[in-house]
PDB file of N, CA and C in Angstrom:
ATOM      1  N   MET A   1     173.825 111.909  40.137  1.00  0.00           N
ATOM      2  CA  MET A   1     172.590 112.642  40.129  1.00  0.00           C
ATOM      3  C   MET A   1     172.870 114.083  39.731  1.00  0.00           C
ATOM      4  N   ARG A   2     171.990 114.629  38.928  1.00  0.00           N
ATOM      5  CA  ARG A   2     172.187 115.992  38.468  1.00  0.00           C
ATOM      6  C   ARG A   2     170.997 116.832  38.914  1.00  0.00           C
ATOM      7  N   PHE A   3     171.265 117.941  39.594  1.00  0.00           N
ATOM      8  CA  PHE A   3     170.202 118.831  40.033  1.00  0.00           C
ATOM      9  C   PHE A   3     170.376 120.189  39.391  1.00  0.00           C
ATOM     10  N   ARG A   4     169.251 120.818  39.060  1.00  0.00           N
ATOM     11  CA  ARG A   4     169.263 122.169  38.510  1.00  0.00           C
ATOM     12  C   ARG A   4     168.707 123.111  39.549  1.00  0.00           C
ATOM     13  N   ALA A   5     169.275 124.287  39.625  1.00  0.00           N
ATOM     14  CA  ALA A   5     168.765 125.305  40.531  1.00  0.00           C
ATOM     15  C   ALA A   5     167.946 126.303  39.733  1.00  0.00           C
ATOM     16  N   LEU A   6     166.872 126.774  40.336  1.00  0.00           N
ATOM     17  CA  LEU A   6     166.092 127.828  39.706  1.00  0.00           C
ATOM     18  C   LEU A   6     166.850 129.132  39.832  1.00  0.00           C
ATOM     19  N   ALA A   7     166.600 130.051  38.958  1.00  0.00           N
ATOM     20  CA  ALA A   7     167.253 131.358  38.994  1.00  0.00           C
ATOM     21  C   ALA A   7     166.336 132.327  39.723  1.00  0.00           C
ATOM     22  N   PRO A   8     166.401 132.403  41.058  1.00  0.00           N
ATOM     23  CA  PRO A   8     165.447 133.209  41.812  1.00  0.00           C
ATOM     24  C   PRO A   8     165.580 134.704  41.592  1.00  0.00           C
ATOM     25  N   LEU A   9     166.711 135.158  41.113  1.00  0.00           N
ATOM     26  CA  LEU A   9     166.901 136.586  40.918  1.00  0.00           C
ATOM     27  C   LEU A   9     166.485 137.061  39.540  1.00  0.00           C
ATOM     28  N   MET A  10     166.037 136.138  38.714  1.00  0.00           N
ATOM     29  CA  MET A  10     165.657 136.517  37.362  1.00  0.00           C
ATOM     30  C   MET A  10     164.298 137.215  37.409  1.00  0.00           C
ATOM     31  N   THR A  11     164.298 138.520  37.184  1.00  0.00           N
ATOM     32  CA  THR A  11     163.051 139.276  37.227  1.00  0.00           C
ATOM     33  C   THR A  11     162.718 139.912  35.900  1.00  0.00           C
ATOM     34  N   VAL A  12     163.712 140.057  35.034  1.00  0.00           N
ATOM     35  CA  VAL A  12     163.472 140.656  33.741  1.00  0.00           C
ATOM     36  C   VAL A  12     163.770 139.621  32.675  1.00  0.00           C
ATOM     37  N   VAL A  13     162.822 139.405  31.812  1.00  0.00           N
ATOM     38  CA  VAL A  13     162.992 138.416  30.758  1.00  0.00           C
ATOM     39  C   VAL A  13     162.718 139.093  29.423  1.00  0.00           C
ATOM     40  N   ALA A  14     163.626 138.913  28.479  1.00  0.00           N
ATOM     41  CA  ALA A  14     163.407 139.463  27.146  1.00  0.00           C
ATOM     42  C   ALA A  14     162.270 138.702  26.500  1.00  0.00           C
ATOM     43  N   LEU A  15     161.227 139.406  26.104  1.00  0.00           N
ATOM     44  CA  LEU A  15     160.060 138.749  25.554  1.00  0.00           C
ATOM     45  C   LEU A  15     160.030 138.759  24.036  1.00  0.00           C
ATOM     46  N   THR A  16     161.050 139.316  23.409  1.00  0.00           N
ATOM     47  CA  THR A  16     161.077 139.366  21.964  1.00  0.00           C
ATOM     48  C   THR A  16     161.239 137.967  21.401  1.00  0.00           C
ATOM     49  N   GLY A  17     160.284 137.564  20.594  1.00  0.00           N
ATOM     50  CA  GLY A  17     160.376 136.274  19.921  1.00  0.00           C
ATOM     51  C   GLY A  17     160.077 135.084  20.791  1.00  0.00           C
ATOM     52  N   VAL A  18     159.454 135.289  21.964  1.00  0.00           N
ATOM     53  CA  VAL A  18     159.129 134.157  22.815  1.00  0.00           C
ATOM     54  C   VAL A  18     157.648 134.129  23.111  1.00  0.00           C
ATOM     55  N   LEU A  19     157.190 132.996  23.545  1.00  0.00           N
ATOM     56  CA  LEU A  19     155.811 132.824  23.946  1.00  0.00           C
ATOM     57  C   LEU A  19     155.595 133.526  25.261  1.00  0.00           C
ATOM     58  N   GLY A  20     154.459 134.092  25.464  1.00  0.00           N
ATOM     59  CA  GLY A  20     154.141 134.812  26.700  1.00  0.00           C
ATOM     60  C   GLY A  20     153.966 133.880  27.877  1.00  0.00           C
ATOM     61  N   THR A  21     153.352 134.393  28.909  1.00  0.00           N
ATOM     62  CA  THR A  21     153.193 133.674  30.159  1.00  0.00           C
ATOM     63  C   THR A  21     152.078 132.653  30.073  1.00  0.00           C
ATOM     64  N   ALA A  22     152.324 131.499  30.646  1.00  0.00           N
ATOM     65  CA  ALA A  22     151.302 130.474  30.783  1.00  0.00           C
ATOM     66  C   ALA A  22     151.316 130.021  32.225  1.00  0.00           C
ATOM     67  N   PRO A  23     150.202 129.580  32.777  1.00  0.00           N
ATOM     68  CA  PRO A  23     150.200 129.141  34.168  1.00  0.00           C
ATOM     69  C   PRO A  23     151.084 127.919  34.340  1.00  0.00           C
ATOM     70  N   SER A  24     151.675 127.783  35.508  1.00  0.00           N
ATOM     71  CA  SER A  24     152.518 126.622  35.776  1.00  0.00           C
ATOM     72  C   SER A  24     152.080 125.952  37.056  1.00  0.00           C
ATOM     73  N   ALA A  25     152.514 124.716  37.225  1.00  0.00           N
ATOM     74  CA  ALA A  25     152.149 123.952  38.397  1.00  0.00           C
ATOM     75  C   ALA A  25     152.718 124.559  39.670  1.00  0.00           C
ATOM     76  N   SER A  26     153.804 125.316  39.553  1.00  0.00           N
ATOM     77  CA  SER A  26     154.441 125.867  40.742  1.00  0.00           C
ATOM     78  C   SER A  26     154.417 127.384  40.742  1.00  0.00           C
ATOM     79  N   ALA A  27     153.436 127.980  40.105  1.00  0.00           N
ATOM     80  CA  ALA A  27     153.395 129.440  39.999  1.00  0.00           C
ATOM     81  C   ALA A  27     153.380 130.069  41.379  1.00  0.00           C
ATOM     82  N   GLY A  28     154.248 131.040  41.539  1.00  0.00           N
ATOM     83  CA  GLY A  28     154.340 131.757  42.799  1.00  0.00           C
ATOM     84  C   GLY A  28     153.750 133.138  42.636  1.00  0.00           C
ATOM     85  N   ALA A  29     154.415 134.135  43.200  1.00  0.00           N
ATOM     86  CA  ALA A  29     153.944 135.507  43.107  1.00  0.00           C
ATOM     87  C   ALA A  29     153.971 135.968  41.661  1.00  0.00           C
ATOM     88  N   ALA A  30     153.094 136.896  41.342  1.00  0.00           N
ATOM     89  CA  ALA A  30     153.024 137.418  39.974  1.00  0.00           C
ATOM     90  C   ALA A  30     154.384 137.921  39.533  1.00  0.00           C
ATOM     91  N   GLY A  31     154.779 137.543  38.337  1.00  0.00           N
ATOM     92  CA  GLY A  31     156.058 137.987  37.798  1.00  0.00           C
ATOM     93  C   GLY A  31     157.232 137.097  38.167  1.00  0.00           C
ATOM     94  N   SER A  32     156.991 136.014  38.884  1.00  0.00           N
ATOM     95  CA  SER A  32     158.100 135.148  39.279  1.00  0.00           C
ATOM     96  C   SER A  32     158.608 134.361  38.083  1.00  0.00           C
ATOM     97  N   ALA A  33     159.826 133.876  38.190  1.00  0.00           N
ATOM     98  CA  ALA A  33     160.437 133.106  37.111  1.00  0.00           C
ATOM     99  C   ALA A  33     159.605 131.880  36.763  1.00  0.00           C
ATOM    100  N   GLU A  34     158.948 131.275  37.747  1.00  0.00           N
ATOM    101  CA  GLU A  34     158.179 130.060  37.524  1.00  0.00           C
ATOM    102  C   GLU A  34     156.939 130.293  36.670  1.00  0.00           C
ATOM    103  N   GLU A  35     156.487 131.526  36.515  1.00  0.00           N
ATOM    104  CA  GLU A  35     155.316 131.798  35.691  1.00  0.00           C
ATOM    105  C   GLU A  35     155.668 131.907  34.212  1.00  0.00           C
ATOM    106  N   PHE A  36     156.909 132.174  33.896  1.00  0.00           N
ATOM    107  CA  PHE A  36     157.325 132.337  32.508  1.00  0.00           C
ATOM    108  C   PHE A  36     157.275 130.992  31.803  1.00  0.00           C
ATOM    109  N   CYS A  37     156.695 130.970  30.616  1.00  0.00           N
ATOM    110  CA  CYS A  37     156.701 129.759  29.804  1.00  0.00           C
ATOM    111  C   CYS A  37     157.000 130.175  28.383  1.00  0.00           C
ATOM    112  N   GLY A  38     158.216 129.894  27.937  1.00  0.00           N
ATOM    113  CA  GLY A  38     158.608 130.250  26.591  1.00  0.00           C
ATOM    114  C   GLY A  38     160.080 129.943  26.360  1.00  0.00           C
ATOM    115  N   VAL A  39     160.515 130.201  25.148  1.00  0.00           N
ATOM    116  CA  VAL A  39     161.908 129.971  24.770  1.00  0.00           C
ATOM    117  C   VAL A  39     162.692 131.226  25.108  1.00  0.00           C
ATOM    118  N   LYS A  40     163.716 131.073  25.919  1.00  0.00           N
ATOM    119  CA  LYS A  40     164.541 132.209  26.327  1.00  0.00           C
ATOM    120  C   LYS A  40     165.664 132.422  25.321  1.00  0.00           C
ATOM    121  N   ALA A  41     165.878 133.675  24.973  1.00  0.00           N
ATOM    122  CA  ALA A  41     166.874 134.026  23.960  1.00  0.00           C
ATOM    123  C   ALA A  41     168.291 133.682  24.401  1.00  0.00           C
ATOM    124  N   HIS A  42     168.578 133.719  25.696  1.00  0.00           N
ATOM    125  CA  HIS A  42     169.960 133.506  26.145  1.00  0.00           C
ATOM    126  C   HIS A  42     170.434 132.059  25.999  1.00  0.00           C
ATOM    127  N   ASP A  43     169.507 131.093  25.970  1.00  0.00           N
ATOM    128  CA  ASP A  43     169.943 129.696  25.852  1.00  0.00           C
ATOM    129  C   ASP A  43     169.118 128.878  24.847  1.00  0.00           C
ATOM    130  N   ASN A  44     168.137 129.498  24.218  1.00  0.00           N
ATOM    131  CA  ASN A  44     167.282 128.840  23.229  1.00  0.00           C
ATOM    132  C   ASN A  44     166.577 127.599  23.771  1.00  0.00           C
ATOM    133  N   ARG A  45     166.335 127.586  25.072  1.00  0.00           N
ATOM    134  CA  ARG A  45     165.602 126.484  25.692  1.00  0.00           C
ATOM    135  C   ARG A  45     164.196 126.940  26.055  1.00  0.00           C
ATOM    136  N   LEU A  46     163.275 126.005  26.045  1.00  0.00           N
ATOM    137  CA  LEU A  46     161.943 126.237  26.562  1.00  0.00           C
ATOM    138  C   LEU A  46     162.019 126.118  28.075  1.00  0.00           C
ATOM    139  N   TRP A  47     161.600 127.149  28.775  1.00  0.00           N
ATOM    140  CA  TRP A  47     161.510 127.130  30.231  1.00  0.00           C
ATOM    141  C   TRP A  47     160.028 127.193  30.558  1.00  0.00           C
ATOM    142  N   CYS A  48     159.549 126.234  31.340  1.00  0.00           N
ATOM    143  CA  CYS A  48     158.110 126.178  31.569  1.00  0.00           C
ATOM    144  C   CYS A  48     157.794 125.326  32.795  1.00  0.00           C
ATOM    145  N   GLY A  49     156.611 125.574  33.349  1.00  0.00           N
ATOM    146  CA  GLY A  49     156.103 124.710  34.398  1.00  0.00           C
ATOM    147  C   GLY A  49     155.766 123.354  33.820  1.00  0.00           C
ATOM    148  N   ASN A  50     155.852 122.337  34.640  1.00  0.00           N
ATOM    149  CA  ASN A  50     155.565 120.974  34.211  1.00  0.00           C
ATOM    150  C   ASN A  50     155.089 120.154  35.396  1.00  0.00           C
ATOM    151  N   ALA A  51     154.529 118.994  35.097  1.00  0.00           N
ATOM    152  CA  ALA A  51     154.117 118.079  36.160  1.00  0.00           C
ATOM    153  C   ALA A  51     155.358 117.623  36.918  1.00  0.00           C
ATOM    154  N   ALA A  52     155.298 117.697  38.229  1.00  0.00           N
ATOM    155  CA  ALA A  52     156.424 117.228  39.050  1.00  0.00           C
ATOM    156  C   ALA A  52     156.425 115.706  39.084  1.00  0.00           C
ATOM    157  N   ASP A  53     157.590 115.143  39.319  1.00  0.00           N
ATOM    158  CA  ASP A  53     157.773 113.695  39.360  1.00  0.00           C
ATOM    159  C   ASP A  53     157.343 113.037  38.048  1.00  0.00           C
ATOM    160  N   ALA A  54     157.718 113.696  36.945  1.00  0.00           N
ATOM    161  CA  ALA A  54     157.403 113.189  35.614  1.00  0.00           C
ATOM    162  C   ALA A  54     158.499 112.237  35.153  1.00  0.00           C
ATOM    163  N   PRO A  55     158.150 111.021  34.787  1.00  0.00           N
ATOM    164  CA  PRO A  55     159.162 110.109  34.246  1.00  0.00           C
ATOM    165  C   PRO A  55     159.564 110.551  32.838  1.00  0.00           C
ATOM    166  N   THR A  56     160.842 110.474  32.562  1.00  0.00           N
ATOM    167  CA  THR A  56     161.325 110.754  31.210  1.00  0.00           C
ATOM    168  C   THR A  56     161.558 109.416  30.511  1.00  0.00           C
ATOM    169  N   ARG A  57     161.479 109.452  29.188  1.00  0.00           N
ATOM    170  CA  ARG A  57     161.637 108.229  28.392  1.00  0.00           C
ATOM    171  C   ARG A  57     162.762 108.420  27.378  1.00  0.00           C
ATOM    172  N   TYR A  58     163.425 107.338  27.039  1.00  0.00           N
ATOM    173  CA  TYR A  58     164.540 107.407  26.094  1.00  0.00           C
ATOM    174  C   TYR A  58     164.107 107.861  24.703  1.00  0.00           C
ATOM    175  N   ALA A  59     162.937 107.506  24.282  1.00  0.00           N
ATOM    176  CA  ALA A  59     162.411 107.892  22.965  1.00  0.00           C
ATOM    177  C   ALA A  59     161.048 108.556  23.174  1.00  0.00           C
ATOM    178  N   PRO A  60     160.579 109.351  22.217  1.00  0.00           N
ATOM    179  CA  PRO A  60     159.345 110.115  22.406  1.00  0.00           C
ATOM    180  C   PRO A  60     158.053 109.318  22.171  1.00  0.00           C
ATOM    181  N   TYR A  61     157.871 108.274  22.947  1.00  0.00           N
ATOM    182  CA  TYR A  61     156.616 107.536  22.919  1.00  0.00           C
ATOM    183  C   TYR A  61     156.496 106.748  24.223  1.00  0.00           C
ATOM    184  N   HIS A  62     155.265 106.474  24.633  1.00  0.00           N
ATOM    185  CA  HIS A  62     155.009 105.833  25.933  1.00  0.00           C
ATOM    186  C   HIS A  62     155.567 104.419  26.049  1.00  0.00           C
ATOM    187  N   GLU A  63     155.765 103.757  24.932  1.00  0.00           N
ATOM    188  CA  GLU A  63     156.279 102.385  24.986  1.00  0.00           C
ATOM    189  C   GLU A  63     157.784 102.327  25.237  1.00  0.00           C
ATOM    190  N   SER A  64     158.446 103.473  25.184  1.00  0.00           N
ATOM    191  CA  SER A  64     159.894 103.523  25.406  1.00  0.00           C
ATOM    192  C   SER A  64     160.210 103.333  26.894  1.00  0.00           C
ATOM    193  N   SER A  65     161.380 102.828  27.174  1.00  0.00           N
ATOM    194  CA  SER A  65     161.827 102.631  28.555  1.00  0.00           C
ATOM    195  C   SER A  65     162.022 103.965  29.258  1.00  0.00           C
ATOM    196  N   PHE A  66     161.846 103.938  30.572  1.00  0.00           N
ATOM    197  CA  PHE A  66     162.090 105.124  31.375  1.00  0.00           C
ATOM    198  C   PHE A  66     163.576 105.444  31.386  1.00  0.00           C
ATOM    199  N   SER A  67     163.911 106.737  31.290  1.00  0.00           N
ATOM    200  CA  SER A  67     165.318 107.150  31.345  1.00  0.00           C
ATOM    201  C   SER A  67     165.649 107.863  32.645  1.00  0.00           C
ATOM    202  N   GLY A  68     164.638 108.415  33.307  1.00  0.00           N
ATOM    203  CA  GLY A  68     164.898 109.152  34.534  1.00  0.00           C
ATOM    204  C   GLY A  68     163.629 109.746  35.105  1.00  0.00           C
ATOM    205  N   LEU A  69     163.831 110.706  36.030  1.00  0.00           N
ATOM    206  CA  LEU A  69     162.707 111.337  36.702  1.00  0.00           C
ATOM    207  C   LEU A  69     162.945 112.836  36.800  1.00  0.00           C
ATOM    208  N   LEU A  70     161.996 113.595  36.273  1.00  0.00           N
ATOM    209  CA  LEU A  70     162.027 115.047  36.344  1.00  0.00           C
ATOM    210  C   LEU A  70     161.228 115.429  37.589  1.00  0.00           C
ATOM    211  N   MET A  71     161.920 115.732  38.693  1.00  0.00           N
ATOM    212  CA  MET A  71     161.264 115.954  39.969  1.00  0.00           C
ATOM    213  C   MET A  71     160.785 117.385  40.165  1.00  0.00           C
ATOM    214  N   THR A  72     161.380 118.342  39.465  1.00  0.00           N
ATOM    215  CA  THR A  72     161.010 119.744  39.623  1.00  0.00           C
ATOM    216  C   THR A  72     159.716 120.052  38.865  1.00  0.00           C
ATOM    217  N   SER A  73     159.063 121.142  39.229  1.00  0.00           N
ATOM    218  CA  SER A  73     157.826 121.531  38.555  1.00  0.00           C
ATOM    219  C   SER A  73     158.016 122.772  37.681  1.00  0.00           C
ATOM    220  N   TYR A  74     159.257 123.177  37.493  1.00  0.00           N
ATOM    221  CA  TYR A  74     159.617 124.247  36.550  1.00  0.00           C
ATOM    222  C   TYR A  74     160.960 123.846  35.973  1.00  0.00           C
ATOM    223  N   SER A  75     161.002 123.602  34.665  1.00  0.00           N
ATOM    224  CA  SER A  75     162.188 122.993  34.066  1.00  0.00           C
ATOM    225  C   SER A  75     162.498 123.600  32.708  1.00  0.00           C
ATOM    226  N   TRP A  76     163.655 123.200  32.168  1.00  0.00           N
ATOM    227  CA  TRP A  76     164.023 123.598  30.806  1.00  0.00           C
ATOM    228  C   TRP A  76     163.951 122.381  29.900  1.00  0.00           C
ATOM    229  N   PHE A  77     163.687 122.670  28.620  1.00  0.00           N
ATOM    230  CA  PHE A  77     163.607 121.640  27.589  1.00  0.00           C
ATOM    231  C   PHE A  77     164.412 122.152  26.408  1.00  0.00           C
ATOM    232  N   ASP A  78     165.378 121.360  25.943  1.00  0.00           N
ATOM    233  CA  ASP A  78     166.318 121.856  24.933  1.00  0.00           C
ATOM    234  C   ASP A  78     165.888 121.626  23.491  1.00  0.00           C
ATOM    235  N   CYS A  79     164.901 120.749  23.264  1.00  0.00           N
ATOM    236  CA  CYS A  79     164.416 120.501  21.905  1.00  0.00           C
ATOM    237  C   CYS A  79     163.110 119.730  21.982  1.00  0.00           C
ATOM    238  N   PHE A  80     162.498 119.491  20.841  1.00  0.00           N
ATOM    239  CA  PHE A  80     161.251 118.744  20.788  1.00  0.00           C
ATOM    240  C   PHE A  80     161.329 117.703  19.677  1.00  0.00           C
ATOM    241  N   ALA A  81     160.458 116.717  19.785  1.00  0.00           N
ATOM    242  CA  ALA A  81     160.335 115.698  18.734  1.00  0.00           C
ATOM    243  C   ALA A  81     158.868 115.307  18.628  1.00  0.00           C
ATOM    244  N   PHE A  82     158.480 114.855  17.448  1.00  0.00           N
ATOM    245  CA  PHE A  82     157.150 114.290  17.275  1.00  0.00           C
ATOM    246  C   PHE A  82     157.293 112.788  17.433  1.00  0.00           C
ATOM    247  N   GLY A  83     156.458 112.215  18.275  1.00  0.00           N
ATOM    248  CA  GLY A  83     156.530 110.784  18.562  1.00  0.00           C
ATOM    249  C   GLY A  83     155.140 110.215  18.725  1.00  0.00           C
ATOM    250  N   GLY A  84     154.948 109.488  19.812  1.00  0.00           N
ATOM    251  CA  GLY A  84     153.664 108.856  20.061  1.00  0.00           C
ATOM    252  C   GLY A  84     152.591 109.839  20.512  1.00  0.00           C
ATOM    253  N   TRP A  85     151.360 109.546  20.109  1.00  0.00           N
ATOM    254  CA  TRP A  85     150.191 110.334  20.502  1.00  0.00           C
ATOM    255  C   TRP A  85     150.020 110.212  22.011  1.00  0.00           C
ATOM    256  N   HIS A  86     149.608 111.291  22.672  1.00  0.00           N
ATOM    257  CA  HIS A  86     149.424 111.276  24.129  1.00  0.00           C
ATOM    258  C   HIS A  86     148.173 112.047  24.511  1.00  0.00           C
ATOM    259  N   GLY A  87     147.941 112.200  25.792  1.00  0.00           N
ATOM    260  CA  GLY A  87     146.744 112.829  26.333  1.00  0.00           C
ATOM    261  C   GLY A  87     146.533 114.282  25.951  1.00  0.00           C
ATOM    262  N   GLY A  88     147.532 114.943  25.413  1.00  0.00           N
ATOM    263  CA  GLY A  88     147.396 116.329  24.979  1.00  0.00           C
ATOM    264  C   GLY A  88     146.804 116.444  23.580  1.00  0.00           C
ATOM    265  N   ASN A  89     146.372 115.315  23.027  1.00  0.00           N
ATOM    266  CA  ASN A  89     145.813 115.262  21.670  1.00  0.00           C
ATOM    267  C   ASN A  89     146.797 115.737  20.614  1.00  0.00           C
ATOM    268  N   ASN A  90     148.057 115.419  20.827  1.00  0.00           N
ATOM    269  CA  ASN A  90     149.093 115.693  19.827  1.00  0.00           C
ATOM    270  C   ASN A  90     150.222 114.690  20.032  1.00  0.00           C
ATOM    271  N   ALA A  91     151.259 114.797  19.238  1.00  0.00           N
ATOM    272  CA  ALA A  91     152.391 113.862  19.310  1.00  0.00           C
ATOM    273  C   ALA A  91     153.692 114.590  19.623  1.00  0.00           C
ATOM    274  N   THR A  92     153.603 115.762  20.264  1.00  0.00           N
ATOM    275  CA  THR A  92     154.789 116.548  20.607  1.00  0.00           C
ATOM    276  C   THR A  92     155.357 116.105  21.951  1.00  0.00           C
ATOM    277  N   TRP A  93     156.667 115.899  21.979  1.00  0.00           N
ATOM    278  CA  TRP A  93     157.389 115.518  23.197  1.00  0.00           C
ATOM    279  C   TRP A  93     158.551 116.481  23.366  1.00  0.00           C
ATOM    280  N   TYR A  94     158.851 116.827  24.616  1.00  0.00           N
ATOM    281  CA  TYR A  94     159.947 117.749  24.922  1.00  0.00           C
ATOM    282  C   TYR A  94     161.096 116.994  25.586  1.00  0.00           C
ATOM    283  N   HIS A  95     162.307 117.333  25.177  1.00  0.00           N
ATOM    284  CA  HIS A  95     163.523 116.661  25.644  1.00  0.00           C
ATOM    285  C   HIS A  95     164.197 117.483  26.733  1.00  0.00           C
ATOM    286  N   THR A  96     164.676 116.815  27.761  1.00  0.00           N
ATOM    287  CA  THR A  96     165.362 117.490  28.860  1.00  0.00           C
ATOM    288  C   THR A  96     166.338 116.536  29.528  1.00  0.00           C
ATOM    289  N   THR A  97     167.141 117.073  30.414  1.00  0.00           N
ATOM    290  CA  THR A  97     167.966 116.267  31.304  1.00  0.00           C
ATOM    291  C   THR A  97     167.279 116.297  32.658  1.00  0.00           C
ATOM    292  N   PRO A  98     166.754 115.172  33.110  1.00  0.00           N
ATOM    293  CA  PRO A  98     165.983 115.158  34.351  1.00  0.00           C
ATOM    294  C   PRO A  98     166.872 115.324  35.585  1.00  0.00           C
ATOM    295  N   ASP A  99     166.225 115.456  36.720  1.00  0.00           N
ATOM    296  CA  ASP A  99     166.945 115.593  37.989  1.00  0.00           C
ATOM    297  C   ASP A  99     167.646 114.291  38.368  1.00  0.00           C
ATOM    298  N   TRP A 100     167.102 113.192  37.919  1.00  0.00           N
ATOM    299  CA  TRP A 100     167.698 111.901  38.175  1.00  0.00           C
ATOM    300  C   TRP A 100     167.648 111.080  36.897  1.00  0.00           C
ATOM    301  N   GLY A 101     168.760 110.474  36.531  1.00  0.00           N
ATOM    302  CA  GLY A 101     168.794 109.582  35.376  1.00  0.00           C
ATOM    303  C   GLY A 101     169.390 110.204  34.136  1.00  0.00           C
ATOM    304  N   ASP A 102     169.085 109.584  33.011  1.00  0.00           N
ATOM    305  CA  ASP A 102     169.610 110.002  31.712  1.00  0.00           C
ATOM    306  C   ASP A 102     168.644 110.955  31.006  1.00  0.00           C
ATOM    307  N   PRO A 103     169.162 111.754  30.059  1.00  0.00           N
ATOM    308  CA  PRO A 103     168.277 112.634  29.283  1.00  0.00           C
ATOM    309  C   PRO A 103     167.150 111.843  28.633  1.00  0.00           C
ATOM    310  N   GLY A 104     166.013 112.525  28.474  1.00  0.00           N
ATOM    311  CA  GLY A 104     164.878 111.863  27.871  1.00  0.00           C
ATOM    312  C   GLY A 104     163.761 112.828  27.531  1.00  0.00           C
ATOM    313  N   TYR A 105     162.629 112.269  27.174  1.00  0.00           N
ATOM    314  CA  TYR A 105     161.479 113.024  26.693  1.00  0.00           C
ATOM    315  C   TYR A 105     160.303 112.906  27.655  1.00  0.00           C
ATOM    316  N   ILE A 106     159.493 113.980  27.716  1.00  0.00           N
ATOM    317  CA  ILE A 106     158.197 113.895  28.371  1.00  0.00           C
ATOM    318  C   ILE A 106     157.147 114.417  27.386  1.00  0.00           C
ATOM    319  N   PRO A 107     155.930 113.868  27.455  1.00  0.00           N
ATOM    320  CA  PRO A 107     154.900 114.307  26.520  1.00  0.00           C
ATOM    321  C   PRO A 107     154.469 115.744  26.806  1.00  0.00           C
ATOM    322  N   ALA A 108     154.032 116.430  25.769  1.00  0.00           N
ATOM    323  CA  ALA A 108     153.656 117.838  25.889  1.00  0.00           C
ATOM    324  C   ALA A 108     152.539 118.060  26.899  1.00  0.00           C
ATOM    325  N   ASP A 109     151.678 117.072  27.119  1.00  0.00           N
ATOM    326  CA  ASP A 109     150.593 117.287  28.071  1.00  0.00           C
ATOM    327  C   ASP A 109     151.088 117.332  29.515  1.00  0.00           C
ATOM    328  N   TRP A 110     152.366 117.045  29.741  1.00  0.00           N
ATOM    329  CA  TRP A 110     152.956 117.174  31.071  1.00  0.00           C
ATOM    330  C   TRP A 110     153.689 118.504  31.229  1.00  0.00           C
ATOM    331  N   VAL A 111     153.719 119.306  30.168  1.00  0.00           N
ATOM    332  CA  VAL A 111     154.360 120.625  30.178  1.00  0.00           C
ATOM    333  C   VAL A 111     153.256 121.658  29.982  1.00  0.00           C
ATOM    334  N   ASN A 112     153.335 122.774  30.668  1.00  0.00           N
ATOM    335  CA  ASN A 112     152.272 123.779  30.653  1.00  0.00           C
ATOM    336  C   ASN A 112     152.319 124.694  29.435  1.00  0.00           C
ATOM    337  N   THR A 113     152.535 124.127  28.283  1.00  0.00           N
ATOM    338  CA  THR A 113     152.523 124.891  27.041  1.00  0.00           C
ATOM    339  C   THR A 113     151.114 124.854  26.455  1.00  0.00           C
ATOM    340  N   PRO A 114     150.702 125.917  25.779  1.00  0.00           N
ATOM    341  CA  PRO A 114     149.380 125.908  25.143  1.00  0.00           C
ATOM    342  C   PRO A 114     149.395 125.070  23.864  1.00  0.00           C
ATOM    343  N   PRO A 115     148.232 124.631  23.411  1.00  0.00           N
ATOM    344  CA  PRO A 115     148.156 123.822  22.185  1.00  0.00           C
ATOM    345  C   PRO A 115     148.814 124.488  20.980  1.00  0.00           C
ATOM    346  N   SER A 116     148.734 125.813  20.892  1.00  0.00           N
ATOM    347  CA  SER A 116     149.349 126.504  19.748  1.00  0.00           C
ATOM    348  C   SER A 116     150.862 126.334  19.750  1.00  0.00           C
ATOM    349  N   PHE A 117     151.482 126.298  20.915  1.00  0.00           N
ATOM    350  CA  PHE A 117     152.926 126.072  21.017  1.00  0.00           C
ATOM    351  C   PHE A 117     153.239 124.624  20.642  1.00  0.00           C
ATOM    352  N   ASP A 118     152.475 123.692  21.201  1.00  0.00           N
ATOM    353  CA  ASP A 118     152.721 122.271  20.937  1.00  0.00           C
ATOM    354  C   ASP A 118     152.565 121.927  19.456  1.00  0.00           C
ATOM    355  N   ALA A 119     151.691 122.642  18.749  1.00  0.00           N
ATOM    356  CA  ALA A 119     151.459 122.373  17.334  1.00  0.00           C
ATOM    357  C   ALA A 119     152.697 122.649  16.489  1.00  0.00           C
ATOM    358  N   ASN A 120     153.510 123.642  16.899  1.00  0.00           N
ATOM    359  CA  ASN A 120     154.708 123.989  16.129  1.00  0.00           C
ATOM    360  C   ASN A 120     155.726 124.694  17.031  1.00  0.00           C
ATOM    361  N   PRO A 121     156.395 123.959  17.920  1.00  0.00           N
ATOM    362  CA  PRO A 121     157.366 124.580  18.831  1.00  0.00           C
ATOM    363  C   PRO A 121     158.487 125.325  18.104  1.00  0.00           C
ATOM    364  N   GLN A 122     158.818 124.886  16.908  1.00  0.00           N
ATOM    365  CA  GLN A 122     159.898 125.540  16.158  1.00  0.00           C
ATOM    366  C   GLN A 122     159.526 126.980  15.802  1.00  0.00           C
ATOM    367  N   ALA A 123     158.250 127.269  15.601  1.00  0.00           N
ATOM    368  CA  ALA A 123     157.801 128.624  15.282  1.00  0.00           C
ATOM    369  C   ALA A 123     158.073 129.584  16.442  1.00  0.00           C
ATOM    370  N   TYR A 124     158.238 129.043  17.652  1.00  0.00           N
ATOM    371  CA  TYR A 124     158.508 129.854  18.836  1.00  0.00           C
ATOM    372  C   TYR A 124     159.982 129.842  19.224  1.00  0.00           C
ATOM    373  N   GLY A 125     160.804 129.215  18.398  1.00  0.00           N
ATOM    374  CA  GLY A 125     162.249 129.245  18.623  1.00  0.00           C
ATOM    375  C   GLY A 125     162.856 127.993  19.226  1.00  0.00           C
ATOM    376  N   LEU A 126     162.062 126.972  19.494  1.00  0.00           N
ATOM    377  CA  LEU A 126     162.629 125.722  20.034  1.00  0.00           C
ATOM    378  C   LEU A 126     163.041 124.837  18.865  1.00  0.00           C
ATOM    379  N   ARG A 127     164.242 124.315  18.939  1.00  0.00           N
ATOM    380  CA  ARG A 127     164.763 123.509  17.838  1.00  0.00           C
ATOM    381  C   ARG A 127     164.259 122.068  17.913  1.00  0.00           C
ATOM    382  N   PRO A 128     164.116 121.422  16.763  1.00  0.00           N
ATOM    383  CA  PRO A 128     163.796 119.995  16.767  1.00  0.00           C
ATOM    384  C   PRO A 128     165.008 119.191  17.233  1.00  0.00           C
ATOM    385  N   CYS A 129     164.761 118.050  17.855  1.00  0.00           N
ATOM    386  CA  CYS A 129     165.864 117.195  18.326  1.00  0.00           C
ATOM    387  C   CYS A 129     166.485 116.445  17.149  1.00  0.00           C
TER     388      CYS A 129
END
């Protein structure tokens, strides 16, 4: 099992070239790390709020087998892929290593990114898978 820890001391985030703040499922006090939603320059990952207990899939479509479970409500995503259409009215899926299981994808409607980000994540610095 692999667990990620949040960075509670992170109070300053370089905003150059990243998407601004978006609400998250676990938003705490104003300015907290959990409120940030964007690609961070230090690791080129999308850090954003997401639905907790989200199943990840081996491929970016709902018909794919489950690969694991993303239990946290603020996570990182290392790349994106276009796959099956989902409830967010787009086909964007984000790839991550979940808290339990193998790496996989979750649909964009389970991540607190705005439609403009989902339309072209690469424009905001997230690499395609």
